[in-house]
Each structure stands twice: as structure tokens, then as C-alpha cells.
Amino acid sequence: LVDSLVGGIAAGSTEFHVVRASAQALPEFIFSYTTSERFRRDGAAAMTGSGGQQRVPTEFLRAYEIAIPGLGEQKRIADCLSALDTQITAESHQLAALKTHKQGLMQQLFPAPEAATV
């Protein structure tokens, strides 16, 4: 989700599909929908090409229908999912810090044989 382009301009690649929200849809809602497991699974099933050259065809995106609730409901959904993403990120950082701490404790408790003195 890109929401603060300098001058409203960006560079990309032919590997990207740009999806823009209409007046009836919030960008955050569309982002959440298009990053959902269901949307990605449907996109993967529609891929064309072979091997490492598989791509989701533009026609898949043009034909894909999304049930769009009112703007207020979209905002509530997007805000809820964003809050969960923030919490998941914080918990992931906490987990990483705990794993690092554990590793340090393990190294102190069980030093390498060459560092141990008998």
C-alpha cells in the first residue's frame, strides 16, 4: 500500500499490477482484501506461464469481484486488521528478543568445549 508518493509519482516494473481504490472503496480495505489468503489462492490458481515465469494475468484482476461494504464498515474492518498487524509485529519483535536472550543464556550455561575449563 503506497500512500505518500513524492509528487504522486512512482517507478515500477512490468511485474506489478497497480490496483487503485475507487470512490466507493478505501485503499486500506482493498489492500487488506488483496493480501488475504483467499485472494492470493485465487490469483495463484489463475496464473499463466511456466516455471519461474508464471504470472497472474491482468484479466484475473479485471474480472475479480469483491463485495464492498459501506465506507464506514470498510474503515472499521481496515482499522481492526491494521491494529492486529501492529500487534503481530510487536509480538514478533518480542519473540525475537526472547530467542536472542535464550541463546545468550544457553551460551553461558553450556560454553563451547574449547572455552570450558576443567
PDB file of N, CA and C in Angstrom:
ATOM      1  N   LEU A   1       0.867  -1.173   0.000  1.00  0.00           N
ATOM      2  CA  LEU A   1       0.000   0.000   0.000  1.00  0.00           C
ATOM      3  C   LEU A   1       0.902   1.221   0.000  1.00  0.00           C
ATOM      4  N   VAL A   2       0.791   2.023  -1.019  1.00  0.00           N
ATOM      5  CA  VAL A   2       1.597   3.233  -1.134  1.00  0.00           C
ATOM      6  C   VAL A   2       0.659   4.414  -0.941  1.00  0.00           C
ATOM      7  N   ASP A   3       0.979   5.239   0.066  1.00  0.00           N
ATOM      8  CA  ASP A   3       0.063   6.343   0.336  1.00  0.00           C
ATOM      9  C   ASP A   3       0.730   7.705   0.442  1.00  0.00           C
ATOM     10  N   SER A   4       2.018   7.788   0.189  1.00  0.00           N
ATOM     11  CA  SER A   4       2.683   9.094   0.317  1.00  0.00           C
ATOM     12  C   SER A   4       3.792   9.248  -0.718  1.00  0.00           C
ATOM     13  N   LEU A   5       3.423   9.195  -1.977  1.00  0.00           N
ATOM     14  CA  LEU A   5       4.407   9.357  -3.042  1.00  0.00           C
ATOM     15  C   LEU A   5       4.774  10.830  -3.207  1.00  0.00           C
ATOM     16  N   VAL A   6       6.057  11.108  -3.311  1.00  0.00           N
ATOM     17  CA  VAL A   6       6.502  12.470  -3.552  1.00  0.00           C
ATOM     18  C   VAL A   6       6.058  12.875  -4.951  1.00  0.00           C
ATOM     19  N   GLY A   7       5.240  13.883  -5.050  1.00  0.00           N
ATOM     20  CA  GLY A   7       4.737  14.323  -6.354  1.00  0.00           C
ATOM     21  C   GLY A   7       3.720  13.372  -6.961  1.00  0.00           C
ATOM     22  N   GLY A   8       3.319  12.346  -6.226  1.00  0.00           N
ATOM     23  CA  GLY A   8       2.339  11.388  -6.729  1.00  0.00           C
ATOM     24  C   GLY A   8       2.883  10.466  -7.809  1.00  0.00           C
ATOM     25  N   ILE A   9       4.200  10.355  -7.903  1.00  0.00           N
ATOM     26  CA  ILE A   9       4.821   9.575  -8.969  1.00  0.00           C
ATOM     27  C   ILE A   9       5.671   8.452  -8.372  1.00  0.00           C
ATOM     28  N   ALA A  10       5.629   7.291  -9.022  1.00  0.00           N
ATOM     29  CA  ALA A  10       6.459   6.164  -8.601  1.00  0.00           C
ATOM     30  C   ALA A  10       6.967   5.440  -9.842  1.00  0.00           C
ATOM     31  N   ALA A  11       7.983   4.642  -9.649  1.00  0.00           N
ATOM     32  CA  ALA A  11       8.505   3.808 -10.727  1.00  0.00           C
ATOM     33  C   ALA A  11       8.223   2.365 -10.359  1.00  0.00           C
ATOM     34  N   GLY A  12       8.036   1.530 -11.361  1.00  0.00           N
ATOM     35  CA  GLY A  12       7.741   0.135 -11.100  1.00  0.00           C
ATOM     36  C   GLY A  12       8.358  -0.755 -12.143  1.00  0.00           C
ATOM     37  N   SER A  13       7.658  -1.816 -12.432  1.00  0.00           N
ATOM     38  CA  SER A  13       8.135  -2.828 -13.341  1.00  0.00           C
ATOM     39  C   SER A  13       6.921  -3.443 -14.024  1.00  0.00           C
ATOM     40  N   THR A  14       7.155  -4.130 -15.105  1.00  0.00           N
ATOM     41  CA  THR A  14       6.058  -4.831 -15.775  1.00  0.00           C
ATOM     42  C   THR A  14       5.584  -6.007 -14.936  1.00  0.00           C
ATOM     43  N   GLU A  15       6.290  -6.312 -13.843  1.00  0.00           N
ATOM     44  CA  GLU A  15       5.917  -7.413 -12.959  1.00  0.00           C
ATOM     45  C   GLU A  15       4.820  -7.020 -11.975  1.00  0.00           C
ATOM     46  N   PHE A  16       4.441  -5.747 -11.922  1.00  0.00           N
ATOM     47  CA  PHE A  16       3.438  -5.272 -10.970  1.00  0.00           C
ATOM     48  C   PHE A  16       2.094  -5.051 -11.625  1.00  0.00           C
ATOM     49  N   HIS A  17       1.043  -5.311 -10.869  1.00  0.00           N
ATOM     50  CA  HIS A  17      -0.307  -4.881 -11.238  1.00  0.00           C
ATOM     51  C   HIS A  17      -0.653  -3.762 -10.267  1.00  0.00           C
ATOM     52  N   VAL A  18      -0.983  -2.606 -10.777  1.00  0.00           N
ATOM     53  CA  VAL A  18      -1.360  -1.486  -9.920  1.00  0.00           C
ATOM     54  C   VAL A  18      -2.873  -1.525  -9.740  1.00  0.00           C
ATOM     55  N   VAL A  19      -3.307  -1.545  -8.489  1.00  0.00           N
ATOM     56  CA  VAL A  19      -4.729  -1.564  -8.165  1.00  0.00           C
ATOM     57  C   VAL A  19      -5.030  -0.278  -7.415  1.00  0.00           C
ATOM     58  N   ARG A  20      -5.996   0.472  -7.905  1.00  0.00           N
ATOM     59  CA  ARG A  20      -6.389   1.726  -7.263  1.00  0.00           C
ATOM     60  C   ARG A  20      -7.811   1.607  -6.752  1.00  0.00           C
ATOM     61  N   ALA A  21      -8.035   2.153  -5.576  1.00  0.00           N
ATOM     62  CA  ALA A  21      -9.379   2.155  -4.997  1.00  0.00           C
ATOM     63  C   ALA A  21     -10.236   3.200  -5.711  1.00  0.00           C
ATOM     64  N   SER A  22     -11.506   2.888  -5.857  1.00  0.00           N
ATOM     65  CA  SER A  22     -12.448   3.848  -6.439  1.00  0.00           C
ATOM     66  C   SER A  22     -13.000   4.730  -5.321  1.00  0.00           C
ATOM     67  N   ALA A  23     -13.913   5.626  -5.663  1.00  0.00           N
ATOM     68  CA  ALA A  23     -14.533   6.490  -4.656  1.00  0.00           C
ATOM     69  C   ALA A  23     -15.363   5.686  -3.662  1.00  0.00           C
ATOM     70  N   GLN A  24     -15.789   4.477  -4.035  1.00  0.00           N
ATOM     71  CA  GLN A  24     -16.601   3.630  -3.159  1.00  0.00           C
ATOM     72  C   GLN A  24     -15.767   2.702  -2.281  1.00  0.00           C
ATOM     73  N   ALA A  25     -14.437   2.760  -2.405  1.00  0.00           N
ATOM     74  CA  ALA A  25     -13.586   1.827  -1.672  1.00  0.00           C
ATOM     75  C   ALA A  25     -12.385   2.546  -1.066  1.00  0.00           C
ATOM     76  N   LEU A  26     -12.059   2.181   0.164  1.00  0.00           N
ATOM     77  CA  LEU A  26     -10.874   2.726   0.821  1.00  0.00           C
ATOM     78  C   LEU A  26      -9.635   1.927   0.403  1.00  0.00           C
ATOM     79  N   PRO A  27      -8.532   2.601   0.125  1.00  0.00           N
ATOM     80  CA  PRO A  27      -7.306   1.884  -0.251  1.00  0.00           C
ATOM     81  C   PRO A  27      -6.907   0.837   0.782  1.00  0.00           C
ATOM     82  N   GLU A  28      -7.058   1.141   2.074  1.00  0.00           N
ATOM     83  CA  GLU A  28      -6.680   0.201   3.130  1.00  0.00           C
ATOM     84  C   GLU A  28      -7.541  -1.060   3.096  1.00  0.00           C
ATOM     85  N   PHE A  29      -8.817  -0.912   2.741  1.00  0.00           N
ATOM     86  CA  PHE A  29      -9.701  -2.062   2.631  1.00  0.00           C
ATOM     87  C   PHE A  29      -9.288  -2.935   1.443  1.00  0.00           C
ATOM     88  N   ILE A  30      -9.033  -2.307   0.303  1.00  0.00           N
ATOM     89  CA  ILE A  30      -8.614  -3.046  -0.893  1.00  0.00           C
ATOM     90  C   ILE A  30      -7.283  -3.752  -0.627  1.00  0.00           C
ATOM     91  N   PHE A  31      -6.362  -3.064   0.052  1.00  0.00           N
ATOM     92  CA  PHE A  31      -5.075  -3.676   0.395  1.00  0.00           C
ATOM     93  C   PHE A  31      -5.288  -4.925   1.247  1.00  0.00           C
ATOM     94  N   SER A  32      -6.111  -4.805   2.280  1.00  0.00           N
ATOM     95  CA  SER A  32      -6.379  -5.949   3.148  1.00  0.00           C
ATOM     96  C   SER A  32      -6.984  -7.100   2.362  1.00  0.00           C
ATOM     97  N   TYR A  33      -7.905  -6.783   1.472  1.00  0.00           N
ATOM     98  CA  TYR A  33      -8.557  -7.838   0.690  1.00  0.00           C
ATOM     99  C   TYR A  33      -7.559  -8.528  -0.237  1.00  0.00           C
ATOM    100  N   THR A  34      -6.744  -7.726  -0.911  1.00  0.00           N
ATOM    101  CA  THR A  34      -5.825  -8.304  -1.898  1.00  0.00           C
ATOM    102  C   THR A  34      -4.627  -9.003  -1.262  1.00  0.00           C
ATOM    103  N   THR A  35      -4.441  -8.841   0.034  1.00  0.00           N
ATOM    104  CA  THR A  35      -3.386  -9.588   0.719  1.00  0.00           C
ATOM    105  C   THR A  35      -3.965 -10.768   1.502  1.00  0.00           C
ATOM    106  N   SER A  36      -5.258 -11.006   1.336  1.00  0.00           N
ATOM    107  CA  SER A  36      -5.894 -12.121   2.044  1.00  0.00           C
ATOM    108  C   SER A  36      -5.494 -13.456   1.411  1.00  0.00           C
ATOM    109  N   GLU A  37      -5.569 -14.498   2.222  1.00  0.00           N
ATOM    110  CA  GLU A  37      -5.236 -15.852   1.751  1.00  0.00           C
ATOM    111  C   GLU A  37      -6.130 -16.252   0.579  1.00  0.00           C
ATOM    112  N   ARG A  38      -7.414 -15.949   0.671  1.00  0.00           N
ATOM    113  CA  ARG A  38      -8.355 -16.339  -0.394  1.00  0.00           C
ATOM    114  C   ARG A  38      -7.995 -15.677  -1.726  1.00  0.00           C
ATOM    115  N   PHE A  39      -7.765 -14.363  -1.699  1.00  0.00           N
ATOM    116  CA  PHE A  39      -7.430 -13.644  -2.929  1.00  0.00           C
ATOM    117  C   PHE A  39      -6.134 -14.188  -3.534  1.00  0.00           C
ATOM    118  N   ARG A  40      -5.143 -14.415  -2.702  1.00  0.00           N
ATOM    119  CA  ARG A  40      -3.860 -14.925  -3.196  1.00  0.00           C
ATOM    120  C   ARG A  40      -3.993 -16.337  -3.753  1.00  0.00           C
ATOM    121  N   ARG A  41      -4.797 -17.165  -3.093  1.00  0.00           N
ATOM    122  CA  ARG A  41      -5.032 -18.527  -3.588  1.00  0.00           C
ATOM    123  C   ARG A  41      -5.737 -18.477  -4.947  1.00  0.00           C
ATOM    124  N   ASP A  42      -6.758 -17.618  -5.061  1.00  0.00           N
ATOM    125  CA  ASP A  42      -7.458 -17.477  -6.342  1.00  0.00           C
ATOM    126  C   ASP A  42      -6.519 -16.972  -7.431  1.00  0.00           C
ATOM    127  N   GLY A  43      -5.659 -16.015  -7.072  1.00  0.00           N
ATOM    128  CA  GLY A  43      -4.691 -15.491  -8.038  1.00  0.00           C
ATOM    129  C   GLY A  43      -3.701 -16.548  -8.477  1.00  0.00           C
ATOM    130  N   ALA A  44      -3.232 -17.341  -7.518  1.00  0.00           N
ATOM    131  CA  ALA A  44      -2.274 -18.410  -7.848  1.00  0.00           C
ATOM    132  C   ALA A  44      -2.911 -19.428  -8.784  1.00  0.00           C
ATOM    133  N   ALA A  45      -4.197 -19.733  -8.572  1.00  0.00           N
ATOM    134  CA  ALA A  45      -4.892 -20.704  -9.426  1.00  0.00           C
ATOM    135  C   ALA A  45      -5.063 -20.170 -10.850  1.00  0.00           C
ATOM    136  N   ALA A  46      -5.069 -18.848 -11.008  1.00  0.00           N
ATOM    137  CA  ALA A  46      -5.274 -18.240 -12.325  1.00  0.00           C
ATOM    138  C   ALA A  46      -3.969 -17.962 -13.064  1.00  0.00           C
ATOM    139  N   MET A  47      -2.832 -18.267 -12.463  1.00  0.00           N
ATOM    140  CA  MET A  47      -1.543 -17.940 -13.080  1.00  0.00           C
ATOM    141  C   MET A  47      -1.384 -18.607 -14.441  1.00  0.00           C
ATOM    142  N   THR A  48      -0.687 -17.905 -15.301  1.00  0.00           N
ATOM    143  CA  THR A  48      -0.365 -18.436 -16.619  1.00  0.00           C
ATOM    144  C   THR A  48       1.151 -18.421 -16.777  1.00  0.00           C
ATOM    145  N   GLY A  49       1.638 -19.157 -17.738  1.00  0.00           N
ATOM    146  CA  GLY A  49       3.075 -19.243 -17.965  1.00  0.00           C
ATOM    147  C   GLY A  49       3.600 -20.543 -17.401  1.00  0.00           C
ATOM    148  N   SER A  50       4.914 -20.680 -17.440  1.00  0.00           N
ATOM    149  CA  SER A  50       5.502 -21.925 -16.965  1.00  0.00           C
ATOM    150  C   SER A  50       6.689 -21.637 -16.063  1.00  0.00           C
ATOM    151  N   GLY A  51       6.953 -22.574 -15.177  1.00  0.00           N
ATOM    152  CA  GLY A  51       8.122 -22.493 -14.306  1.00  0.00           C
ATOM    153  C   GLY A  51       8.211 -21.182 -13.560  1.00  0.00           C
ATOM    154  N   GLY A  52       9.386 -20.591 -13.594  1.00  0.00           N
ATOM    155  CA  GLY A  52       9.637 -19.322 -12.908  1.00  0.00           C
ATOM    156  C   GLY A  52       9.041 -18.121 -13.603  1.00  0.00           C
ATOM    157  N   GLN A  53       8.341 -18.348 -14.689  1.00  0.00           N
ATOM    158  CA  GLN A  53       7.761 -17.247 -15.456  1.00  0.00           C
ATOM    159  C   GLN A  53       6.248 -17.117 -15.259  1.00  0.00           C
ATOM    160  N   GLN A  54       5.706 -17.745 -14.237  1.00  0.00           N
ATOM    161  CA  GLN A  54       4.262 -17.669 -14.022  1.00  0.00           C
ATOM    162  C   GLN A  54       3.869 -16.295 -13.495  1.00  0.00           C
ATOM    163  N   ARG A  55       2.714 -15.817 -13.990  1.00  0.00           N
ATOM    164  CA  ARG A  55       2.210 -14.506 -13.587  1.00  0.00           C
ATOM    165  C   ARG A  55       0.689 -14.547 -13.488  1.00  0.00           C
ATOM    166  N   VAL A  56       0.170 -13.682 -12.620  1.00  0.00           N
ATOM    167  CA  VAL A  56      -1.276 -13.509 -12.541  1.00  0.00           C
ATOM    168  C   VAL A  56      -1.669 -12.614 -13.712  1.00  0.00           C
ATOM    169  N   PRO A  57      -2.561 -13.079 -14.583  1.00  0.00           N
ATOM    170  CA  PRO A  57      -2.928 -12.258 -15.740  1.00  0.00           C
ATOM    171  C   PRO A  57      -3.774 -11.047 -15.341  1.00  0.00           C
ATOM    172  N   THR A  58      -3.627  -9.967 -16.094  1.00  0.00           N
ATOM    173  CA  THR A  58      -4.397  -8.749 -15.851  1.00  0.00           C
ATOM    174  C   THR A  58      -5.888  -9.035 -15.867  1.00  0.00           C
ATOM    175  N   GLU A  59      -6.322  -9.929 -16.725  1.00  0.00           N
ATOM    176  CA  GLU A  59      -7.749 -10.249 -16.828  1.00  0.00           C
ATOM    177  C   GLU A  59      -8.296 -10.804 -15.511  1.00  0.00           C
ATOM    178  N   PHE A  60      -7.474 -11.519 -14.759  1.00  0.00           N
ATOM    179  CA  PHE A  60      -7.913 -12.025 -13.452  1.00  0.00           C
ATOM    180  C   PHE A  60      -8.355 -10.862 -12.568  1.00  0.00           C
ATOM    181  N   LEU A  61      -7.532  -9.809 -12.517  1.00  0.00           N
ATOM    182  CA  LEU A  61      -7.866  -8.654 -11.678  1.00  0.00           C
ATOM    183  C   LEU A  61      -9.080  -7.903 -12.210  1.00  0.00           C
ATOM    184  N   ARG A  62      -9.179  -7.779 -13.508  1.00  0.00           N
ATOM    185  CA  ARG A  62     -10.328  -7.069 -14.093  1.00  0.00           C
ATOM    186  C   ARG A  62     -11.646  -7.786 -13.815  1.00  0.00           C
ATOM    187  N   ALA A  63     -11.601  -9.099 -13.815  1.00  0.00           N
ATOM    188  CA  ALA A  63     -12.835  -9.885 -13.653  1.00  0.00           C
ATOM    189  C   ALA A  63     -13.145 -10.212 -12.187  1.00  0.00           C
ATOM    190  N   TYR A  64     -12.187 -10.033 -11.290  1.00  0.00           N
ATOM    191  CA  TYR A  64     -12.381 -10.429  -9.892  1.00  0.00           C
ATOM    192  C   TYR A  64     -13.387  -9.498  -9.220  1.00  0.00           C
ATOM    193  N   GLU A  65     -14.390 -10.084  -8.601  1.00  0.00           N
ATOM    194  CA  GLU A  65     -15.420  -9.289  -7.933  1.00  0.00           C
ATOM    195  C   GLU A  65     -15.215  -9.326  -6.430  1.00  0.00           C
ATOM    196  N   ILE A  66     -15.285  -8.149  -5.833  1.00  0.00           N
ATOM    197  CA  ILE A  66     -15.139  -8.013  -4.385  1.00  0.00           C
ATOM    198  C   ILE A  66     -16.419  -7.375  -3.851  1.00  0.00           C
ATOM    199  N   ALA A  67     -16.991  -7.981  -2.829  1.00  0.00           N
ATOM    200  CA  ALA A  67     -18.156  -7.386  -2.169  1.00  0.00           C
ATOM    201  C   ALA A  67     -17.648  -6.222  -1.318  1.00  0.00           C
ATOM    202  N   ILE A  68     -18.104  -5.040  -1.647  1.00  0.00           N
ATOM    203  CA  ILE A  68     -17.629  -3.834  -0.969  1.00  0.00           C
ATOM    204  C   ILE A  68     -18.712  -3.313  -0.022  1.00  0.00           C
ATOM    205  N   PRO A  69     -18.460  -3.354   1.298  1.00  0.00           N
ATOM    206  CA  PRO A  69     -19.421  -2.774   2.235  1.00  0.00           C
ATOM    207  C   PRO A  69     -19.344  -1.241   2.190  1.00  0.00           C
ATOM    208  N   GLY A  70     -20.176  -0.573   2.942  1.00  0.00           N
ATOM    209  CA  GLY A  70     -20.134   0.891   3.001  1.00  0.00           C
ATOM    210  C   GLY A  70     -18.797   1.383   3.526  1.00  0.00           C
ATOM    211  N   LEU A  71     -18.506   2.661   3.292  1.00  0.00           N
ATOM    212  CA  LEU A  71     -17.211   3.218   3.684  1.00  0.00           C
ATOM    213  C   LEU A  71     -16.958   3.108   5.186  1.00  0.00           C
ATOM    214  N   GLY A  72     -17.980   3.305   5.998  1.00  0.00           N
ATOM    215  CA  GLY A  72     -17.801   3.194   7.446  1.00  0.00           C
ATOM    216  C   GLY A  72     -17.383   1.800   7.862  1.00  0.00           C
ATOM    217  N   GLU A  73     -18.037   0.799   7.285  1.00  0.00           N
ATOM    218  CA  GLU A  73     -17.700  -0.593   7.598  1.00  0.00           C
ATOM    219  C   GLU A  73     -16.311  -0.943   7.070  1.00  0.00           C
ATOM    220  N   GLN A  74     -15.968  -0.448   5.890  1.00  0.00           N
ATOM    221  CA  GLN A  74     -14.621  -0.676   5.359  1.00  0.00           C
ATOM    222  C   GLN A  74     -13.577  -0.125   6.309  1.00  0.00           C
ATOM    223  N   LYS A  75     -13.822   1.080   6.823  1.00  0.00           N
ATOM    224  CA  LYS A  75     -12.870   1.707   7.748  1.00  0.00           C
ATOM    225  C   LYS A  75     -12.733   0.883   9.015  1.00  0.00           C
ATOM    226  N   ARG A  76     -13.839   0.399   9.562  1.00  0.00           N
ATOM    227  CA  ARG A  76     -13.779  -0.422  10.780  1.00  0.00           C
ATOM    228  C   ARG A  76     -12.985  -1.713  10.518  1.00  0.00           C
ATOM    229  N   ILE A  77     -13.235  -2.330   9.384  1.00  0.00           N
ATOM    230  CA  ILE A  77     -12.514  -3.567   9.029  1.00  0.00           C
ATOM    231  C   ILE A  77     -11.026  -3.283   8.865  1.00  0.00           C
ATOM    232  N   ALA A  78     -10.697  -2.250   8.092  1.00  0.00           N
ATOM    233  CA  ALA A  78      -9.291  -1.916   7.839  1.00  0.00           C
ATOM    234  C   ALA A  78      -8.583  -1.526   9.135  1.00  0.00           C
ATOM    235  N   ASP A  79      -9.254  -0.759  10.003  1.00  0.00           N
ATOM    236  CA  ASP A  79      -8.648  -0.360  11.271  1.00  0.00           C
ATOM    237  C   ASP A  79      -8.397  -1.570  12.167  1.00  0.00           C
ATOM    238  N   CYS A  80      -9.341  -2.485  12.213  1.00  0.00           N
ATOM    239  CA  CYS A  80      -9.200  -3.698  13.025  1.00  0.00           C
ATOM    240  C   CYS A  80      -8.021  -4.530  12.522  1.00  0.00           C
ATOM    241  N   LEU A  81      -7.953  -4.753  11.225  1.00  0.00           N
ATOM    242  CA  LEU A  81      -6.869  -5.558  10.662  1.00  0.00           C
ATOM    243  C   LEU A  81      -5.520  -4.875  10.837  1.00  0.00           C
ATOM    244  N   SER A  82      -5.496  -3.556  10.712  1.00  0.00           N
ATOM    245  CA  SER A  82      -4.255  -2.809  10.902  1.00  0.00           C
ATOM    246  C   SER A  82      -3.779  -2.915  12.349  1.00  0.00           C
ATOM    247  N   ALA A  83      -4.710  -2.823  13.297  1.00  0.00           N
ATOM    248  CA  ALA A  83      -4.355  -2.955  14.709  1.00  0.00           C
ATOM    249  C   ALA A  83      -3.789  -4.351  14.984  1.00  0.00           C
ATOM    250  N   LEU A  84      -4.382  -5.364  14.377  1.00  0.00           N
ATOM    251  CA  LEU A  84      -3.878  -6.725  14.546  1.00  0.00           C
ATOM    252  C   LEU A  84      -2.483  -6.871  13.943  1.00  0.00           C
ATOM    253  N   ASP A  85      -2.259  -6.275  12.768  1.00  0.00           N
ATOM    254  CA  ASP A  85      -0.927  -6.320  12.148  1.00  0.00           C
ATOM    255  C   ASP A  85       0.108  -5.652  13.046  1.00  0.00           C
ATOM    256  N   THR A  86      -0.267  -4.520  13.658  1.00  0.00           N
ATOM    257  CA  THR A  86       0.638  -3.814  14.564  1.00  0.00           C
ATOM    258  C   THR A  86       0.975  -4.695  15.764  1.00  0.00           C
ATOM    259  N   GLN A  87      -0.032  -5.356  16.312  1.00  0.00           N
ATOM    260  CA  GLN A  87       0.185  -6.234  17.455  1.00  0.00           C
ATOM    261  C   GLN A  87       1.049  -7.439  17.070  1.00  0.00           C
ATOM    262  N   ILE A  88       0.795  -8.013  15.903  1.00  0.00           N
ATOM    263  CA  ILE A  88       1.599  -9.153  15.435  1.00  0.00           C
ATOM    264  C   ILE A  88       3.061  -8.740  15.273  1.00  0.00           C
ATOM    265  N   THR A  89       3.292  -7.558  14.712  1.00  0.00           N
ATOM    266  CA  THR A  89       4.666  -7.060  14.546  1.00  0.00           C
ATOM    267  C   THR A  89       5.346  -6.895  15.900  1.00  0.00           C
ATOM    268  N   ALA A  90       4.641  -6.281  16.859  1.00  0.00           N
ATOM    269  CA  ALA A  90       5.212  -6.081  18.191  1.00  0.00           C
ATOM    270  C   ALA A  90       5.520  -7.420  18.857  1.00  0.00           C
ATOM    271  N   GLU A  91       4.594  -8.370  18.743  1.00  0.00           N
ATOM    272  CA  GLU A  91       4.801  -9.697  19.351  1.00  0.00           C
ATOM    273  C   GLU A  91       5.957 -10.425  18.664  1.00  0.00           C
ATOM    274  N   SER A  92       6.095 -10.251  17.364  1.00  0.00           N
ATOM    275  CA  SER A  92       7.204 -10.882  16.630  1.00  0.00           C
ATOM    276  C   SER A  92       8.543 -10.330  17.106  1.00  0.00           C
ATOM    277  N   HIS A  93       8.607  -9.010  17.326  1.00  0.00           N
ATOM    278  CA  HIS A  93       9.839  -8.405  17.828  1.00  0.00           C
ATOM    279  C   HIS A  93      10.147  -8.913  19.237  1.00  0.00           C
ATOM    280  N   GLN A  94       9.105  -9.019  20.064  1.00  0.00           N
ATOM    281  CA  GLN A  94       9.283  -9.539  21.421  1.00  0.00           C
ATOM    282  C   GLN A  94       9.795 -10.978  21.387  1.00  0.00           C
ATOM    283  N   LEU A  95       9.217 -11.793  20.509  1.00  0.00           N
ATOM    284  CA  LEU A  95       9.646 -13.187  20.374  1.00  0.00           C
ATOM    285  C   LEU A  95      11.104 -13.267  19.934  1.00  0.00           C
ATOM    286  N   ALA A  96      11.489 -12.426  18.980  1.00  0.00           N
ATOM    287  CA  ALA A  96      12.878 -12.411  18.511  1.00  0.00           C
ATOM    288  C   ALA A  96      13.819 -12.020  19.643  1.00  0.00           C
ATOM    289  N   ALA A  97      13.428 -11.036  20.455  1.00  0.00           N
ATOM    290  CA  ALA A  97      14.264 -10.611  21.583  1.00  0.00           C
ATOM    291  C   ALA A  97      14.395 -11.740  22.603  1.00  0.00           C
ATOM    292  N   LEU A  98      13.308 -12.458  22.871  1.00  0.00           N
ATOM    293  CA  LEU A  98      13.359 -13.571  23.808  1.00  0.00           C
ATOM    294  C   LEU A  98      14.245 -14.699  23.289  1.00  0.00           C
ATOM    295  N   LYS A  99      14.184 -14.974  21.992  1.00  0.00           N
ATOM    296  CA  LYS A  99      15.033 -16.014  21.414  1.00  0.00           C
ATOM    297  C   LYS A  99      16.507 -15.629  21.530  1.00  0.00           C
ATOM    298  N   THR A 100      16.813 -14.352  21.297  1.00  0.00           N
ATOM    299  CA  THR A 100      18.190 -13.873  21.432  1.00  0.00           C
ATOM    300  C   THR A 100      18.653 -14.005  22.882  1.00  0.00           C
ATOM    301  N   HIS A 101      17.788 -13.631  23.809  1.00  0.00           N
ATOM    302  CA  HIS A 101      18.111 -13.746  25.232  1.00  0.00           C
ATOM    303  C   HIS A 101      18.356 -15.214  25.612  1.00  0.00           C
ATOM    304  N   LYS A 102      17.501 -16.095  25.136  1.00  0.00           N
ATOM    305  CA  LYS A 102      17.660 -17.524  25.419  1.00  0.00           C
ATOM    306  C   LYS A 102      19.001 -18.019  24.877  1.00  0.00           C
ATOM    307  N   GLN A 103      19.336 -17.624  23.662  1.00  0.00           N
ATOM    308  CA  GLN A 103      20.589 -18.053  23.053  1.00  0.00           C
ATOM    309  C   GLN A 103      21.774 -17.600  23.894  1.00  0.00           C
ATOM    310  N   GLY A 104      21.706 -16.374  24.405  1.00  0.00           N
ATOM    311  CA  GLY A 104      22.775 -15.877  25.271  1.00  0.00           C
ATOM    312  C   GLY A 104      22.888 -16.697  26.550  1.00  0.00           C
ATOM    313  N   LEU A 105      21.737 -17.019  27.137  1.00  0.00           N
ATOM    314  CA  LEU A 105      21.750 -17.846  28.348  1.00  0.00           C
ATOM    315  C   LEU A 105      22.313 -19.240  28.064  1.00  0.00           C
ATOM    316  N   MET A 106      21.925 -19.816  26.953  1.00  0.00           N
ATOM    317  CA  MET A 106      22.406 -21.142  26.575  1.00  0.00           C
ATOM    318  C   MET A 106      23.924 -21.133  26.409  1.00  0.00           C
ATOM    319  N   GLN A 107      24.467 -20.072  25.827  1.00  0.00           N
ATOM    320  CA  GLN A 107      25.914 -19.986  25.627  1.00  0.00           C
ATOM    321  C   GLN A 107      26.639 -19.875  26.968  1.00  0.00           C
ATOM    322  N   GLN A 108      26.009 -19.197  27.941  1.00  0.00           N
ATOM    323  CA  GLN A 108      26.617 -19.079  29.267  1.00  0.00           C
ATOM    324  C   GLN A 108      26.536 -20.406  30.031  1.00  0.00           C
ATOM    325  N   LEU A 109      25.402 -21.087  29.894  1.00  0.00           N
ATOM    326  CA  LEU A 109      25.202 -22.340  30.621  1.00  0.00           C
ATOM    327  C   LEU A 109      26.000 -23.499  30.025  1.00  0.00           C
ATOM    328  N   PHE A 110      26.108 -23.498  28.718  1.00  0.00           N
ATOM    329  CA  PHE A 110      26.782 -24.595  28.015  1.00  0.00           C
ATOM    330  C   PHE A 110      27.837 -24.019  27.070  1.00  0.00           C
ATOM    331  N   PRO A 111      28.984 -23.572  27.615  1.00  0.00           N
ATOM    332  CA  PRO A 111      30.004 -22.976  26.754  1.00  0.00           C
ATOM    333  C   PRO A 111      30.587 -23.998  25.791  1.00  0.00           C
ATOM    334  N   ALA A 112      31.165 -23.490  24.715  1.00  0.00           N
ATOM    335  CA  ALA A 112      31.831 -24.358  23.736  1.00  0.00           C
ATOM    336  C   ALA A 112      32.964 -25.100  24.436  1.00  0.00           C
ATOM    337  N   PRO A 113      33.255 -26.342  24.026  1.00  0.00           N
ATOM    338  CA  PRO A 113      34.290 -27.152  24.695  1.00  0.00           C
ATOM    339  C   PRO A 113      35.634 -26.430  24.792  1.00  0.00           C
ATOM    340  N   GLU A 114      36.024 -25.693  23.767  1.00  0.00           N
ATOM    341  CA  GLU A 114      37.325 -25.018  23.797  1.00  0.00           C
ATOM    342  C   GLU A 114      37.334 -23.868  24.789  1.00  0.00           C
ATOM    343  N   ALA A 115      36.168 -23.337  25.152  1.00  0.00           N
ATOM    344  CA  ALA A 115      36.093 -22.237  26.101  1.00  0.00           C
ATOM    345  C   ALA A 115      35.955 -22.745  27.534  1.00  0.00           C
ATOM    346  N   ALA A 116      35.589 -23.995  27.699  1.00  0.00           N
ATOM    347  CA  ALA A 116      35.366 -24.536  29.027  1.00  0.00           C
ATOM    348  C   ALA A 116      36.697 -24.886  29.678  1.00  0.00           C
ATOM    349  N   THR A 117      36.781 -24.657  30.961  1.00  0.00           N
ATOM    350  CA  THR A 117      37.967 -25.049  31.704  1.00  0.00           C
ATOM    351  C   THR A 117      37.596 -26.168  32.662  1.00  0.00           C
ATOM    352  N   VAL A 118      38.487 -27.137  32.790  1.00  0.00           N
ATOM    353  CA  VAL A 118      38.213 -28.297  33.631  1.00  0.00           C
ATOM    354  C   VAL A 118      38.950 -28.175  34.924  1.00  0.00           C
TER     355      VAL A 118
END
